[in-house]
Amino acid sequence: MKTLGIVVICLAVGFATGFKIALVREHTRLERNKQIVQRIHKQVWSNPDLNAALEAADELYAPDFVSRFPSN
């Protein structure tokens, strides 16, 4: 019975630790994505210099990117 209690405690600690690590990784991923979106907005869409905006777009977008916005 004592062994079962130790196993349960070990599992609980392991799950709690894994959950905390997953939360930290998710937060890091979200912050990185946020920085990329802010950079796209600033360097591509809000840049008055067309050549600099095109260079930034080439760096930030995949070569096979396809815009799905409807054209007017």
Protein backbone atom coordinates (compact mmCIF):
# COMPACT_ATOMS: atom_id res chain seq x y z
CA MET A 1 0.00 0.00 0.00
CA LYS A 2 2.89 2.33 0.83
CA THR A 3 4.43 1.69 -2.63
CA LEU A 4 1.17 2.64 -4.35
CA GLY A 5 1.12 5.94 -2.44
CA ILE A 6 4.68 6.71 -3.50
CA VAL A 7 3.84 5.90 -7.13
CA VAL A 8 0.78 8.19 -7.02
CA ILE A 9 2.82 11.02 -5.51
CA CYS A 10 5.57 10.58 -8.12
CA LEU A 11 3.01 10.62 -10.92
CA ALA A 12 1.34 13.74 -9.53
CA VAL A 13 4.66 15.56 -9.24
CA GLY A 14 5.64 14.44 -12.74
CA PHE A 15 2.38 15.64 -14.26
CA ALA A 16 2.56 18.97 -12.41
CA THR A 17 6.13 19.53 -13.60
CA GLY A 18 5.26 18.59 -17.17
CA PHE A 19 2.24 20.88 -17.13
CA LYS A 20 4.36 23.80 -15.89
CA ILE A 21 6.95 23.20 -18.62
CA ALA A 22 4.20 23.04 -21.25
CA LEU A 23 2.76 26.37 -20.05
CA VAL A 24 6.17 28.06 -20.21
CA ARG A 25 6.78 26.72 -23.74
CA GLU A 26 3.32 27.84 -24.89
CA HIS A 27 3.89 31.33 -23.46
CA THR A 28 7.27 31.53 -25.22
CA ARG A 29 5.71 30.42 -28.51
CA LEU A 30 2.90 32.97 -28.22
CA GLU A 31 5.35 35.79 -27.45
CA ARG A 32 7.49 34.83 -30.47
CA ASN A 33 4.43 34.81 -32.74
CA LYS A 34 3.31 38.17 -31.34
CA GLN A 35 6.72 39.67 -32.16
CA ILE A 36 6.53 38.30 -35.73
CA VAL A 37 3.06 39.78 -36.30
CA GLN A 38 4.19 43.15 -34.90
CA ARG A 39 7.23 43.07 -37.17
CA ILE A 40 5.09 42.25 -40.23
CA HIS A 41 2.75 45.12 -39.44
CA LYS A 42 5.60 47.60 -38.89
CA GLN A 43 8.05 46.56 -41.62
CA VAL A 44 5.69 45.38 -44.37
CA TRP A 45 2.25 46.95 -44.09
CA SER A 46 3.16 50.30 -42.45
CA ASN A 47 6.45 50.95 -44.24
CA PRO A 48 6.35 53.93 -46.65
CA ASP A 49 9.50 52.65 -48.41
CA LEU A 50 8.20 50.07 -50.89
CA ASN A 51 11.60 48.47 -51.52
CA ALA A 52 12.25 47.99 -47.79
CA ALA A 53 8.71 46.61 -47.35
CA LEU A 54 9.24 44.10 -50.17
CA GLU A 55 12.58 42.99 -48.70
CA ALA A 56 10.94 42.50 -45.29
CA ALA A 57 8.07 40.57 -46.89
CA ASP A 58 10.56 38.29 -48.67
CA GLU A 59 12.22 37.59 -45.32
CA LEU A 60 9.03 37.15 -43.26
CA TYR A 61 6.73 35.25 -45.63
CA ALA A 62 7.25 31.76 -47.03
CA PRO A 63 8.19 31.63 -50.73
CA ASP A 64 4.96 29.77 -51.54
CA PHE A 65 2.71 32.15 -49.55
CA VAL A 66 -0.69 32.73 -51.18
CA SER A 67 -2.88 35.61 -50.04
CA ARG A 68 -6.50 34.60 -49.48
CA PHE A 69 -7.88 38.13 -49.25
CA PRO A 70 -10.63 38.84 -51.79
CA SER A 71 -9.64 41.39 -54.41
CA ASN A 72 -11.87 44.39 -55.14
